[in-house]
């Protein structure tokens, strides 16, 4: 069962998305700010991270940069989740080290397809 670290400060978004992922067979771990996301990624080594970009303590841009600069963490795929849907936001997320980008509100089938592609699995 693939593990996903969901780093999301909005409780409603965190609850809704984590329940939907668990129902699809993922093991889901939760972090509520960027620093906690980094700490948990070090201790848990999840298969994938879903990273809100607007976080307290450390924002998602900083988290992605730190993970990709860390020899141990750089192999964890990161999907940026953001309500920012401007054309340059995707480029900015990819430049920070994210492996993919998705907008909120989350379209679950689209997100599952991106998760599957990064984990090298058949779509859910």
PDB file of N, CA and C in Angstrom:
ATOM      1  N   UNK A   1       0.850  -1.171   0.000  1.00  0.00           N
ATOM      2  CA  UNK A   1       0.000   0.000   0.000  1.00  0.00           C
ATOM      3  C   UNK A   1       0.901   1.241   0.000  1.00  0.00           C
ATOM      4  N   UNK A   2       0.843   2.055  -1.047  1.00  0.00           N
ATOM      5  CA  UNK A   2       1.679   3.247  -1.128  1.00  0.00           C
ATOM      6  C   UNK A   2       1.322   4.251  -0.025  1.00  0.00           C
ATOM      7  N   UNK A   3       2.349   4.918   0.492  1.00  0.00           N
ATOM      8  CA  UNK A   3       2.112   5.919   1.530  1.00  0.00           C
ATOM      9  C   UNK A   3       2.221   7.318   0.939  1.00  0.00           C
ATOM     10  N   UNK A   4       1.305   8.168   1.370  1.00  0.00           N
ATOM     11  CA  UNK A   4       1.265   9.556   0.917  1.00  0.00           C
ATOM     12  C   UNK A   4       1.322  10.451   2.142  1.00  0.00           C
ATOM     13  N   UNK A   5       2.188  11.448   2.090  1.00  0.00           N
ATOM     14  CA  UNK A   5       2.224  12.476   3.112  1.00  0.00           C
ATOM     15  C   UNK A   5       1.484  13.681   2.559  1.00  0.00           C
ATOM     16  N   UNK A   6       0.369  14.016   3.185  1.00  0.00           N
ATOM     17  CA  UNK A   6      -0.444  15.158   2.787  1.00  0.00           C
ATOM     18  C   UNK A   6      -0.099  16.325   3.703  1.00  0.00           C
ATOM     19  N   UNK A   7       0.480  17.368   3.135  1.00  0.00           N
ATOM     20  CA  UNK A   7       0.859  18.552   3.902  1.00  0.00           C
ATOM     21  C   UNK A   7      -0.124  19.655   3.535  1.00  0.00           C
ATOM     22  N   UNK A   8      -1.058  19.900   4.442  1.00  0.00           N
ATOM     23  CA  UNK A   8      -2.184  20.809   4.171  1.00  0.00           C
ATOM     24  C   UNK A   8      -2.607  21.451   5.484  1.00  0.00           C
ATOM     25  N   UNK A   9      -2.669  22.771   5.532  1.00  0.00           N
ATOM     26  CA  UNK A   9      -3.038  23.457   6.768  1.00  0.00           C
ATOM     27  C   UNK A   9      -4.540  23.644   6.934  1.00  0.00           C
ATOM     28  N   UNK A  10      -5.295  23.533   5.858  1.00  0.00           N
ATOM     29  CA  UNK A  10      -6.746  23.698   5.947  1.00  0.00           C
ATOM     30  C   UNK A  10      -7.372  22.383   6.386  1.00  0.00           C
ATOM     31  N   UNK A  11      -8.000  22.397   7.557  1.00  0.00           N
ATOM     32  CA  UNK A  11      -8.534  21.160   8.135  1.00  0.00           C
ATOM     33  C   UNK A  11      -9.580  20.503   7.244  1.00  0.00           C
ATOM     34  N   UNK A  12     -10.457  21.284   6.650  1.00  0.00           N
ATOM     35  CA  UNK A  12     -11.495  20.714   5.799  1.00  0.00           C
ATOM     36  C   UNK A  12     -10.883  20.043   4.564  1.00  0.00           C
ATOM     37  N   UNK A  13      -9.932  20.702   3.924  1.00  0.00           N
ATOM     38  CA  UNK A  13      -9.255  20.109   2.759  1.00  0.00           C
ATOM     39  C   UNK A  13      -8.496  18.849   3.153  1.00  0.00           C
ATOM     40  N   UNK A  14      -7.801  18.925   4.284  1.00  0.00           N
ATOM     41  CA  UNK A  14      -7.005  17.790   4.769  1.00  0.00           C
ATOM     42  C   UNK A  14      -7.903  16.587   5.043  1.00  0.00           C
ATOM     43  N   UNK A  15      -9.010  16.823   5.726  1.00  0.00           N
ATOM     44  CA  UNK A  15      -9.929  15.742   6.080  1.00  0.00           C
ATOM     45  C   UNK A  15     -10.558  15.125   4.836  1.00  0.00           C
ATOM     46  N   UNK A  16     -11.066  15.958   3.948  1.00  0.00           N
ATOM     47  CA  UNK A  16     -11.751  15.472   2.750  1.00  0.00           C
ATOM     48  C   UNK A  16     -10.798  14.667   1.862  1.00  0.00           C
ATOM     49  N   UNK A  17      -9.620  15.214   1.609  1.00  0.00           N
ATOM     50  CA  UNK A  17      -8.695  14.542   0.703  1.00  0.00           C
ATOM     51  C   UNK A  17      -8.123  13.274   1.332  1.00  0.00           C
ATOM     52  N   UNK A  18      -7.791  13.326   2.610  1.00  0.00           N
ATOM     53  CA  UNK A  18      -7.222  12.127   3.247  1.00  0.00           C
ATOM     54  C   UNK A  18      -8.234  10.986   3.256  1.00  0.00           C
ATOM     55  N   UNK A  19      -9.493  11.270   3.558  1.00  0.00           N
ATOM     56  CA  UNK A  19     -10.516  10.200   3.546  1.00  0.00           C
ATOM     57  C   UNK A  19     -10.673   9.603   2.160  1.00  0.00           C
ATOM     58  N   UNK A  20     -10.654  10.429   1.141  1.00  0.00           N
ATOM     59  CA  UNK A  20     -10.812   9.926  -0.227  1.00  0.00           C
ATOM     60  C   UNK A  20      -9.614   9.083  -0.656  1.00  0.00           C
ATOM     61  N   UNK A  21      -8.426   9.469  -0.231  1.00  0.00           N
ATOM     62  CA  UNK A  21      -7.224   8.690  -0.571  1.00  0.00           C
ATOM     63  C   UNK A  21      -7.187   7.366   0.186  1.00  0.00           C
ATOM     64  N   UNK A  22      -7.576   7.382   1.447  1.00  0.00           N
ATOM     65  CA  UNK A  22      -7.619   6.150   2.241  1.00  0.00           C
ATOM     66  C   UNK A  22      -8.595   5.156   1.612  1.00  0.00           C
ATOM     67  N   UNK A  23      -9.748   5.648   1.167  1.00  0.00           N
ATOM     68  CA  UNK A  23     -10.732   4.772   0.507  1.00  0.00           C
ATOM     69  C   UNK A  23     -10.168   4.160  -0.773  1.00  0.00           C
ATOM     70  N   UNK A  24      -9.193   4.818  -1.388  1.00  0.00           N
ATOM     71  CA  UNK A  24      -8.569   4.301  -2.606  1.00  0.00           C
ATOM     72  C   UNK A  24      -7.377   3.392  -2.288  1.00  0.00           C
ATOM     73  N   UNK A  25      -7.145   3.117  -0.999  1.00  0.00           N
ATOM     74  CA  UNK A  25      -6.116   2.153  -0.631  1.00  0.00           C
ATOM     75  C   UNK A  25      -4.754   2.722  -0.269  1.00  0.00           C
ATOM     76  N   UNK A  26      -4.656   4.031  -0.118  1.00  0.00           N
ATOM     77  CA  UNK A  26      -3.385   4.636   0.257  1.00  0.00           C
ATOM     78  C   UNK A  26      -3.270   4.728   1.776  1.00  0.00           C
ATOM     79  N   UNK A  27      -2.048   4.616   2.259  1.00  0.00           N
ATOM     80  CA  UNK A  27      -1.743   4.916   3.654  1.00  0.00           C
ATOM     81  C   UNK A  27      -1.448   6.416   3.674  1.00  0.00           C
ATOM     82  N   UNK A  28      -2.195   7.177   4.463  1.00  0.00           N
ATOM     83  CA  UNK A  28      -2.064   8.631   4.445  1.00  0.00           C
ATOM     84  C   UNK A  28      -1.552   9.137   5.790  1.00  0.00           C
ATOM     85  N   UNK A  29      -0.524   9.965   5.728  1.00  0.00           N
ATOM     86  CA  UNK A  29       0.019  10.647   6.903  1.00  0.00           C
ATOM     87  C   UNK A  29      -0.234  12.133   6.700  1.00  0.00           C
ATOM     88  N   UNK A  30      -0.438  12.851   7.795  1.00  0.00           N
ATOM     89  CA  UNK A  30      -0.829  14.252   7.709  1.00  0.00           C
ATOM     90  C   UNK A  30       0.170  15.165   8.401  1.00  0.00           C
ATOM     91  N   UNK A  31       0.396  16.318   7.776  1.00  0.00           N
ATOM     92  CA  UNK A  31       1.185  17.394   8.376  1.00  0.00           C
ATOM     93  C   UNK A  31       0.403  18.689   8.161  1.00  0.00           C
ATOM     94  N   UNK A  32       0.493  19.606   9.133  1.00  0.00           N
ATOM     95  CA  UNK A  32      -0.308  20.823   9.071  1.00  0.00           C
ATOM     96  C   UNK A  32       0.507  22.072   8.739  1.00  0.00           C
ATOM     97  N   UNK A  33       1.840  21.940   8.664  1.00  0.00           N
ATOM     98  CA  UNK A  33       2.667  23.070   8.245  1.00  0.00           C
ATOM     99  C   UNK A  33       3.911  22.531   7.532  1.00  0.00           C
ATOM    100  N   UNK A  34       4.639  23.431   6.909  1.00  0.00           N
ATOM    101  CA  UNK A  34       5.776  23.004   6.103  1.00  0.00           C
ATOM    102  C   UNK A  34       6.884  22.330   6.893  1.00  0.00           C
ATOM    103  N   UNK A  35       7.184  22.851   8.072  1.00  0.00           N
ATOM    104  CA  UNK A  35       8.246  22.237   8.869  1.00  0.00           C
ATOM    105  C   UNK A  35       7.857  20.831   9.291  1.00  0.00           C
ATOM    106  N   UNK A  36       6.604  20.647   9.713  1.00  0.00           N
ATOM    107  CA  UNK A  36       6.143  19.314  10.090  1.00  0.00           C
ATOM    108  C   UNK A  36       6.198  18.381   8.874  1.00  0.00           C
ATOM    109  N   UNK A  37       5.886  18.894   7.696  1.00  0.00           N
ATOM    110  CA  UNK A  37       5.973  18.097   6.479  1.00  0.00           C
ATOM    111  C   UNK A  37       7.398  17.618   6.220  1.00  0.00           C
ATOM    112  N   UNK A  38       8.373  18.520   6.396  1.00  0.00           N
ATOM    113  CA  UNK A  38       9.777  18.129   6.226  1.00  0.00           C
ATOM    114  C   UNK A  38      10.183  17.093   7.263  1.00  0.00           C
ATOM    115  N   UNK A  39       9.820  17.335   8.516  1.00  0.00           N
ATOM    116  CA  UNK A  39      10.189  16.407   9.590  1.00  0.00           C
ATOM    117  C   UNK A  39       9.596  15.019   9.345  1.00  0.00           C
ATOM    118  N   UNK A  40       8.308  14.976   8.968  1.00  0.00           N
ATOM    119  CA  UNK A  40       7.664  13.683   8.721  1.00  0.00           C
ATOM    120  C   UNK A  40       8.223  13.001   7.476  1.00  0.00           C
ATOM    121  N   UNK A  41       8.590  13.784   6.474  1.00  0.00           N
ATOM    122  CA  UNK A  41       9.159  13.155   5.273  1.00  0.00           C
ATOM    123  C   UNK A  41      10.485  12.488   5.621  1.00  0.00           C
ATOM    124  N   UNK A  42      11.233  13.073   6.545  1.00  0.00           N
ATOM    125  CA  UNK A  42      12.502  12.465   6.967  1.00  0.00           C
ATOM    126  C   UNK A  42      12.269  11.181   7.756  1.00  0.00           C
ATOM    127  N   UNK A  43      11.273  11.184   8.647  1.00  0.00           N
ATOM    128  CA  UNK A  43      11.055  10.013   9.502  1.00  0.00           C
ATOM    129  C   UNK A  43      10.245   8.919   8.808  1.00  0.00           C
ATOM    130  N   UNK A  44       9.298   9.289   7.959  1.00  0.00           N
ATOM    131  CA  UNK A  44       8.404   8.305   7.337  1.00  0.00           C
ATOM    132  C   UNK A  44       8.872   7.839   5.957  1.00  0.00           C
ATOM    133  N   UNK A  45       9.596   8.690   5.248  1.00  0.00           N
ATOM    134  CA  UNK A  45       9.998   8.422   3.863  1.00  0.00           C
ATOM    135  C   UNK A  45       8.787   7.958   3.036  1.00  0.00           C
ATOM    136  N   UNK A  46       7.787   8.818   2.882  1.00  0.00           N
ATOM    137  CA  UNK A  46       6.592   8.417   2.128  1.00  0.00           C
ATOM    138  C   UNK A  46       6.923   8.161   0.663  1.00  0.00           C
ATOM    139  N   UNK A  47       6.026   7.447   0.004  1.00  0.00           N
ATOM    140  CA  UNK A  47       6.199   7.182  -1.424  1.00  0.00           C
ATOM    141  C   UNK A  47       5.948   8.428  -2.260  1.00  0.00           C
ATOM    142  N   UNK A  48       5.158   9.376  -1.697  1.00  0.00           N
ATOM    143  CA  UNK A  48       4.795  10.580  -2.442  1.00  0.00           C
ATOM    144  C   UNK A  48       4.322  11.634  -1.448  1.00  0.00           C
ATOM    145  N   UNK A  49       4.524  12.907  -1.795  1.00  0.00           N
ATOM    146  CA  UNK A  49       4.030  14.009  -0.973  1.00  0.00           C
ATOM    147  C   UNK A  49       3.061  14.852  -1.779  1.00  0.00           C
ATOM    148  N   UNK A  50       1.914  15.153  -1.168  1.00  0.00           N
ATOM    149  CA  UNK A  50       0.986  16.145  -1.706  1.00  0.00           C
ATOM    150  C   UNK A  50       1.213  17.397  -0.872  1.00  0.00           C
ATOM    151  N   UNK A  51       1.645  18.476  -1.500  1.00  0.00           N
ATOM    152  CA  UNK A  51       2.151  19.646  -0.797  1.00  0.00           C
ATOM    153  C   UNK A  51       1.369  20.902  -1.147  1.00  0.00           C
ATOM    154  N   UNK A  52       0.609  21.387  -0.162  1.00  0.00           N
ATOM    155  CA  UNK A  52      -0.025  22.698  -0.309  1.00  0.00           C
ATOM    156  C   UNK A  52       1.099  23.724  -0.385  1.00  0.00           C
ATOM    157  N   UNK A  53       0.966  24.722  -1.218  1.00  0.00           N
ATOM    158  CA  UNK A  53       2.045  25.690  -1.370  1.00  0.00           C
ATOM    159  C   UNK A  53       1.917  26.873  -0.415  1.00  0.00           C
ATOM    160  N   UNK A  54       0.725  27.114   0.129  1.00  0.00           N
ATOM    161  CA  UNK A  54       0.504  28.222   1.066  1.00  0.00           C
ATOM    162  C   UNK A  54       0.368  27.653   2.468  1.00  0.00           C
ATOM    163  N   UNK A  55       1.510  27.482   3.135  1.00  0.00           N
ATOM    164  CA  UNK A  55       1.543  26.847   4.451  1.00  0.00           C
ATOM    165  C   UNK A  55       2.164  27.779   5.480  1.00  0.00           C
ATOM    166  N   UNK A  56       1.797  27.583   6.756  1.00  0.00           N
ATOM    167  CA  UNK A  56       2.489  28.320   7.807  1.00  0.00           C
ATOM    168  C   UNK A  56       3.853  27.697   8.104  1.00  0.00           C
ATOM    169  N   UNK A  57       4.665  28.397   8.842  1.00  0.00           N
ATOM    170  CA  UNK A  57       6.009  28.042   9.292  1.00  0.00           C
ATOM    171  C   UNK A  57       6.979  28.050   8.112  1.00  0.00           C
ATOM    172  N   UNK A  58       6.852  27.094   7.193  1.00  0.00           N
ATOM    173  CA  UNK A  58       7.603  27.098   5.934  1.00  0.00           C
ATOM    174  C   UNK A  58       6.601  26.858   4.825  1.00  0.00           C
ATOM    175  N   UNK A  59       6.621  27.710   3.801  1.00  0.00           N
ATOM    176  CA  UNK A  59       5.661  27.503   2.709  1.00  0.00           C
ATOM    177  C   UNK A  59       6.115  26.340   1.824  1.00  0.00           C
ATOM    178  N   UNK A  60       5.216  25.925   0.962  1.00  0.00           N
ATOM    179  CA  UNK A  60       5.485  24.774   0.100  1.00  0.00           C
ATOM    180  C   UNK A  60       6.660  24.979  -0.832  1.00  0.00           C
ATOM    181  N   UNK A  61       6.875  26.211  -1.266  1.00  0.00           N
ATOM    182  CA  UNK A  61       7.998  26.491  -2.160  1.00  0.00           C
ATOM    183  C   UNK A  61       9.309  26.154  -1.442  1.00  0.00           C
ATOM    184  N   UNK A  62       9.426  26.584  -0.172  1.00  0.00           N
ATOM    185  CA  UNK A  62      10.637  26.325   0.610  1.00  0.00           C
ATOM    186  C   UNK A  62      10.786  24.836   0.915  1.00  0.00           C
ATOM    187  N   UNK A  63       9.667  24.186   1.254  1.00  0.00           N
ATOM    188  CA  UNK A  63       9.704  22.747   1.539  1.00  0.00           C
ATOM    189  C   UNK A  63      10.215  21.978   0.326  1.00  0.00           C
ATOM    190  N   UNK A  64       9.682  22.285  -0.844  1.00  0.00           N
ATOM    191  CA  UNK A  64      10.106  21.589  -2.071  1.00  0.00           C
ATOM    192  C   UNK A  64      11.594  21.814  -2.327  1.00  0.00           C
ATOM    193  N   UNK A  65      12.051  23.051  -2.189  1.00  0.00           N
ATOM    194  CA  UNK A  65      13.481  23.344  -2.421  1.00  0.00           C
ATOM    195  C   UNK A  65      14.360  22.568  -1.445  1.00  0.00           C
ATOM    196  N   UNK A  66      13.972  22.537  -0.166  1.00  0.00           N
ATOM    197  CA  UNK A  66      14.772  21.826   0.838  1.00  0.00           C
ATOM    198  C   UNK A  66      14.773  20.318   0.596  1.00  0.00           C
ATOM    199  N   UNK A  67      13.617  19.776   0.203  1.00  0.00           N
ATOM    200  CA  UNK A  67      13.570  18.334  -0.053  1.00  0.00           C
ATOM    201  C   UNK A  67      14.455  17.953  -1.234  1.00  0.00           C
ATOM    202  N   UNK A  68      14.398  18.726  -2.303  1.00  0.00           N
ATOM    203  CA  UNK A  68      15.181  18.381  -3.492  1.00  0.00           C
ATOM    204  C   UNK A  68      16.665  18.648  -3.292  1.00  0.00           C
ATOM    205  N   UNK A  69      17.038  19.440  -2.286  1.00  0.00           N
ATOM    206  CA  UNK A  69      18.441  19.673  -1.966  1.00  0.00           C
ATOM    207  C   UNK A  69      18.978  18.615  -1.002  1.00  0.00           C
ATOM    208  N   UNK A  70      18.092  17.817  -0.431  1.00  0.00           N
ATOM    209  CA  UNK A  70      18.463  16.798   0.551  1.00  0.00           C
ATOM    210  C   UNK A  70      18.659  15.462  -0.161  1.00  0.00           C
ATOM    211  N   UNK A  71      19.844  14.893  -0.029  1.00  0.00           N
ATOM    212  CA  UNK A  71      20.169  13.652  -0.735  1.00  0.00           C
ATOM    213  C   UNK A  71      19.202  12.517  -0.414  1.00  0.00           C
ATOM    214  N   UNK A  72      18.715  12.464   0.817  1.00  0.00           N
ATOM    215  CA  UNK A  72      17.814  11.390   1.241  1.00  0.00           C
ATOM    216  C   UNK A  72      16.384  11.622   0.750  1.00  0.00           C
ATOM    217  N   UNK A  73      15.952  12.878   0.721  1.00  0.00           N
ATOM    218  CA  UNK A  73      14.548  13.185   0.415  1.00  0.00           C
ATOM    219  C   UNK A  73      14.272  13.484  -1.051  1.00  0.00           C
ATOM    220  N   UNK A  74      15.298  13.775  -1.825  1.00  0.00           N
ATOM    221  CA  UNK A  74      15.052  14.261  -3.191  1.00  0.00           C
ATOM    222  C   UNK A  74      14.316  13.275  -4.085  1.00  0.00           C
ATOM    223  N   UNK A  75      14.349  11.993  -3.742  1.00  0.00           N
ATOM    224  CA  UNK A  75      13.678  11.002  -4.598  1.00  0.00           C
ATOM    225  C   UNK A  75      12.178  10.895  -4.317  1.00  0.00           C
ATOM    226  N   UNK A  76      11.691  11.561  -3.269  1.00  0.00           N
ATOM    227  CA  UNK A  76      10.248  11.518  -2.969  1.00  0.00           C
ATOM    228  C   UNK A  76       9.532  12.447  -3.945  1.00  0.00           C
ATOM    229  N   UNK A  77       8.622  11.911  -4.774  1.00  0.00           N
ATOM    230  CA  UNK A  77       7.884  12.778  -5.701  1.00  0.00           C
ATOM    231  C   UNK A  77       6.974  13.728  -4.938  1.00  0.00           C
ATOM    232  N   UNK A  78       6.889  14.958  -5.429  1.00  0.00           N
ATOM    233  CA  UNK A  78       6.053  15.984  -4.818  1.00  0.00           C
ATOM    234  C   UNK A  78       5.047  16.487  -5.846  1.00  0.00           C
ATOM    235  N   UNK A  79       3.780  16.487  -5.450  1.00  0.00           N
ATOM    236  CA  UNK A  79       2.740  17.138  -6.257  1.00  0.00           C
ATOM    237  C   UNK A  79       2.321  18.394  -5.503  1.00  0.00           C
ATOM    238  N   UNK A  80       2.534  19.548  -6.114  1.00  0.00           N
ATOM    239  CA  UNK A  80       2.102  20.820  -5.535  1.00  0.00           C
ATOM    240  C   UNK A  80       0.590  20.912  -5.649  1.00  0.00           C
ATOM    241  N   UNK A  81      -0.056  21.293  -4.547  1.00  0.00           N
ATOM    242  CA  UNK A  81      -1.494  21.545  -4.554  1.00  0.00           C
ATOM    243  C   UNK A  81      -1.695  23.009  -4.207  1.00  0.00           C
ATOM    244  N   UNK A  82      -2.366  23.727  -5.072  1.00  0.00           N
ATOM    245  CA  UNK A  82      -2.535  25.146  -4.805  1.00  0.00           C
ATOM    246  C   UNK A  82      -3.803  25.699  -5.425  1.00  0.00           C
ATOM    247  N   UNK A  83      -4.337  26.707  -4.767  1.00  0.00           N
ATOM    248  CA  UNK A  83      -5.483  27.420  -5.316  1.00  0.00           C
ATOM    249  C   UNK A  83      -5.008  28.447  -6.340  1.00  0.00           C
ATOM    250  N   UNK A  84      -3.705  28.699  -6.374  1.00  0.00           N
ATOM    251  CA  UNK A  84      -3.127  29.626  -7.353  1.00  0.00           C
ATOM    252  C   UNK A  84      -3.123  28.947  -8.712  1.00  0.00           C
ATOM    253  N   UNK A  85      -3.813  29.513  -9.644  1.00  0.00           N
ATOM    254  CA  UNK A  85      -3.928  28.883 -10.961  1.00  0.00           C
ATOM    255  C   UNK A  85      -3.408  29.795 -12.068  1.00  0.00           C
ATOM    256  N   UNK A  86      -2.490  30.672 -11.719  1.00  0.00           N
ATOM    257  CA  UNK A  86      -1.899  31.543 -12.723  1.00  0.00           C
ATOM    258  C   UNK A  86      -0.907  30.728 -13.560  1.00  0.00           C
ATOM    259  N   UNK A  87      -0.671  31.177 -14.773  1.00  0.00           N
ATOM    260  CA  UNK A  87       0.183  30.433 -15.701  1.00  0.00           C
ATOM    261  C   UNK A  87       1.578  30.186 -15.137  1.00  0.00           C
ATOM    262  N   UNK A  88       2.135  31.165 -14.429  1.00  0.00           N
ATOM    263  CA  UNK A  88       3.501  30.985 -13.954  1.00  0.00           C
ATOM    264  C   UNK A  88       3.587  30.189 -12.651  1.00  0.00           C
ATOM    265  N   UNK A  89       2.457  29.900 -11.996  1.00  0.00           N
ATOM    266  CA  UNK A  89       2.493  29.134 -10.754  1.00  0.00           C
ATOM    267  C   UNK A  89       2.973  27.706 -10.993  1.00  0.00           C
ATOM    268  N   UNK A  90       2.539  27.098 -12.086  1.00  0.00           N
ATOM    269  CA  UNK A  90       3.018  25.749 -12.402  1.00  0.00           C
ATOM    270  C   UNK A  90       4.534  25.763 -12.619  1.00  0.00           C
ATOM    271  N   UNK A  91       5.019  26.730 -13.396  1.00  0.00           N
ATOM    272  CA  UNK A  91       6.457  26.832 -13.658  1.00  0.00           C
ATOM    273  C   UNK A  91       7.219  27.078 -12.358  1.00  0.00           C
ATOM    274  N   UNK A  92       6.662  27.926 -11.501  1.00  0.00           N
ATOM    275  CA  UNK A  92       7.312  28.233 -10.222  1.00  0.00           C
ATOM    276  C   UNK A  92       7.394  26.983  -9.342  1.00  0.00           C
ATOM    277  N   UNK A  93       6.317  26.188  -9.310  1.00  0.00           N
ATOM    278  CA  UNK A  93       6.310  24.957  -8.509  1.00  0.00           C
ATOM    279  C   UNK A  93       7.335  23.961  -9.054  1.00  0.00           C
ATOM    280  N   UNK A  94       7.399  23.828 -10.353  1.00  0.00           N
ATOM    281  CA  UNK A  94       8.354  22.900 -10.954  1.00  0.00           C
ATOM    282  C   UNK A  94       9.790  23.385 -10.709  1.00  0.00           C
ATOM    283  N   UNK A  95      10.008  24.687 -10.783  1.00  0.00           N
ATOM    284  CA  UNK A  95      11.338  25.240 -10.529  1.00  0.00           C
ATOM    285  C   UNK A  95      11.762  25.027  -9.078  1.00  0.00           C
ATOM    286  N   UNK A  96      10.792  25.006  -8.165  1.00  0.00           N
ATOM    287  CA  UNK A  96      11.096  24.779  -6.742  1.00  0.00           C
ATOM    288  C   UNK A  96      11.435  23.314  -6.473  1.00  0.00           C
ATOM    289  N   UNK A  97      11.093  22.434  -7.414  1.00  0.00           N
ATOM    290  CA  UNK A  97      11.432  21.020  -7.251  1.00  0.00           C
ATOM    291  C   UNK A  97      10.243  20.079  -7.260  1.00  0.00           C
ATOM    292  N   UNK A  98       9.049  20.610  -7.418  1.00  0.00           N
ATOM    293  CA  UNK A  98       7.875  19.732  -7.469  1.00  0.00           C
ATOM    294  C   UNK A  98       7.905  18.925  -8.764  1.00  0.00           C
ATOM    295  N   UNK A  99       7.359  17.712  -8.692  1.00  0.00           N
ATOM    296  CA  UNK A  99       7.354  16.822  -9.853  1.00  0.00           C
ATOM    297  C   UNK A  99       6.089  16.979 -10.678  1.00  0.00           C
ATOM    298  N   UNK A 100       5.049  17.532 -10.062  1.00  0.00           N
ATOM    299  CA  UNK A 100       3.802  17.800 -10.771  1.00  0.00           C
ATOM    300  C   UNK A 100       3.062  18.870  -9.996  1.00  0.00           C
ATOM    301  N   UNK A 101       1.928  19.282 -10.543  1.00  0.00           N
ATOM    302  CA  UNK A 101       1.196  20.439 -10.023  1.00  0.00           C
ATOM    303  C   UNK A 101      -0.280  20.186 -10.244  1.00  0.00           C
ATOM    304  N   UNK A 102      -1.101  20.511  -9.261  1.00  0.00           N
ATOM    305  CA  UNK A 102      -2.545  20.388  -9.427  1.00  0.00           C
ATOM    306  C   UNK A 102      -3.215  21.524  -8.673  1.00  0.00           C
ATOM    307  N   UNK A 103      -4.359  21.937  -9.171  1.00  0.00           N
ATOM    308  CA  UNK A 103      -5.057  23.071  -8.576  1.00  0.00           C
ATOM    309  C   UNK A 103      -6.177  22.610  -7.647  1.00  0.00           C
ATOM    310  N   UNK A 104      -6.525  23.496  -6.730  1.00  0.00           N
ATOM    311  CA  UNK A 104      -7.675  23.290  -5.849  1.00  0.00           C
ATOM    312  C   UNK A 104      -8.819  24.113  -6.417  1.00  0.00           C
ATOM    313  N   UNK A 105     -10.042  23.675  -6.238  1.00  0.00           N
ATOM    314  CA  UNK A 105     -10.406  22.439  -5.553  1.00  0.00           C
ATOM    315  C   UNK A 105      -9.922  21.218  -6.337  1.00  0.00           C
ATOM    316  N   UNK A 106      -9.569  20.184  -5.596  1.00  0.00           N
ATOM    317  CA  UNK A 106      -8.981  18.985  -6.181  1.00  0.00           C
ATOM    318  C   UNK A 106      -9.998  18.224  -7.021  1.00  0.00           C
ATOM    319  N   UNK A 107      -9.602  17.885  -8.234  1.00  0.00           N
ATOM    320  CA  UNK A 107     -10.363  16.983  -9.091  1.00  0.00           C
ATOM    321  C   UNK A 107      -9.744  15.605  -8.838  1.00  0.00           C
ATOM    322  N   UNK A 108     -10.422  14.765  -8.051  1.00  0.00           N
ATOM    323  CA  UNK A 108      -9.813  13.520  -7.591  1.00  0.00           C
ATOM    324  C   UNK A 108      -9.356  12.599  -8.727  1.00  0.00           C
ATOM    325  N   UNK A 109     -10.154  12.341  -9.747  1.00  0.00           N
ATOM    326  CA  UNK A 109      -9.662  11.468 -10.827  1.00  0.00           C
ATOM    327  C   UNK A 109      -8.374  11.993 -11.469  1.00  0.00           C
ATOM    328  N   UNK A 110      -8.305  13.298 -11.686  1.00  0.00           N
ATOM    329  CA  UNK A 110      -7.090  13.891 -12.272  1.00  0.00           C
ATOM    330  C   UNK A 110      -5.908  13.728 -11.325  1.00  0.00           C
ATOM    331  N   UNK A 111      -6.127  13.996 -10.025  1.00  0.00           N
ATOM    332  CA  UNK A 111      -5.055  13.857  -9.048  1.00  0.00           C
ATOM    333  C   UNK A 111      -4.594  12.404  -8.936  1.00  0.00           C
ATOM    334  N   UNK A 112      -5.530  11.467  -8.908  1.00  0.00           N
ATOM    335  CA  UNK A 112      -5.166  10.046  -8.831  1.00  0.00           C
ATOM    336  C   UNK A 112      -4.334   9.620 -10.034  1.00  0.00           C
ATOM    337  N   UNK A 113      -4.649  10.165 -11.191  1.00  0.00           N
ATOM    338  CA  UNK A 113      -3.879   9.865 -12.391  1.00  0.00           C
ATOM    339  C   UNK A 113      -2.445  10.363 -12.249  1.00  0.00           C
ATOM    340  N   UNK A 114      -2.281  11.547 -11.691  1.00  0.00           N
ATOM    341  CA  UNK A 114      -0.938  12.106 -11.485  1.00  0.00           C
ATOM    342  C   UNK A 114      -0.177  11.293 -10.437  1.00  0.00           C
ATOM    343  N   UNK A 115      -0.855  10.902  -9.373  1.00  0.00           N
ATOM    344  CA  UNK A 115      -0.228  10.069  -8.331  1.00  0.00           C
ATOM    345  C   UNK A 115       0.244   8.750  -8.938  1.00  0.00           C
ATOM    346  N   UNK A 116      -0.626   8.107  -9.698  1.00  0.00           N
ATOM    347  CA  UNK A 116      -0.280   6.829 -10.329  1.00  0.00           C
ATOM    348  C   UNK A 116       0.916   6.962 -11.260  1.00  0.00           C
ATOM    349  N   UNK A 117       0.931   8.039 -12.033  1.00  0.00           N
ATOM    350  CA  UNK A 117       2.050   8.245 -12.962  1.00  0.00           C
ATOM    351  C   UNK A 117       3.367   8.398 -12.210  1.00  0.00           C
ATOM    352  N   UNK A 118       3.353   9.140 -11.117  1.00  0.00           N
ATOM    353  CA  UNK A 118       4.590   9.344 -10.355  1.00  0.00           C
ATOM    354  C   UNK A 118       5.024   8.103  -9.584  1.00  0.00           C
ATOM    355  N   UNK A 119       4.048   7.273  -9.203  1.00  0.00           N
ATOM    356  CA  UNK A 119       4.385   6.046  -8.489  1.00  0.00           C
ATOM    357  C   UNK A 119       4.644   4.887  -9.442  1.00  0.00           C
ATOM    358  N   UNK A 120       4.465   5.115 -10.749  1.00  0.00           N
ATOM    359  CA  UNK A 120       4.698   4.081 -11.747  1.00  0.00           C
ATOM    360  C   UNK A 120       3.681   2.965 -11.690  1.00  0.00           C
ATOM    361  N   UNK A 121       2.426   3.332 -11.403  1.00  0.00           N
ATOM    362  CA  UNK A 121       1.351   2.350 -11.286  1.00  0.00           C
ATOM    363  C   UNK A 121       0.296   2.594 -12.356  1.00  0.00           C
ATOM    364  N   UNK A 122      -0.549   1.595 -12.522  1.00  0.00           N
ATOM    365  CA  UNK A 122      -1.714   1.792 -13.376  1.00  0.00           C
ATOM    366  C   UNK A 122      -2.659   2.750 -12.654  1.00  0.00           C
ATOM    367  N   UNK A 123      -3.366   3.613 -13.376  1.00  0.00           N
ATOM    368  CA  UNK A 123      -4.286   4.554 -12.729  1.00  0.00           C
ATOM    369  C   UNK A 123      -5.305   3.829 -11.848  1.00  0.00           C
ATOM    370  N   UNK A 124      -5.668   4.501 -10.747  1.00  0.00           N
ATOM    371  CA  UNK A 124      -6.621   3.944  -9.766  1.00  0.00           C
ATOM    372  C   UNK A 124      -8.034   3.967 -10.319  1.00  0.00           C
TER     373      UNK A 124
END
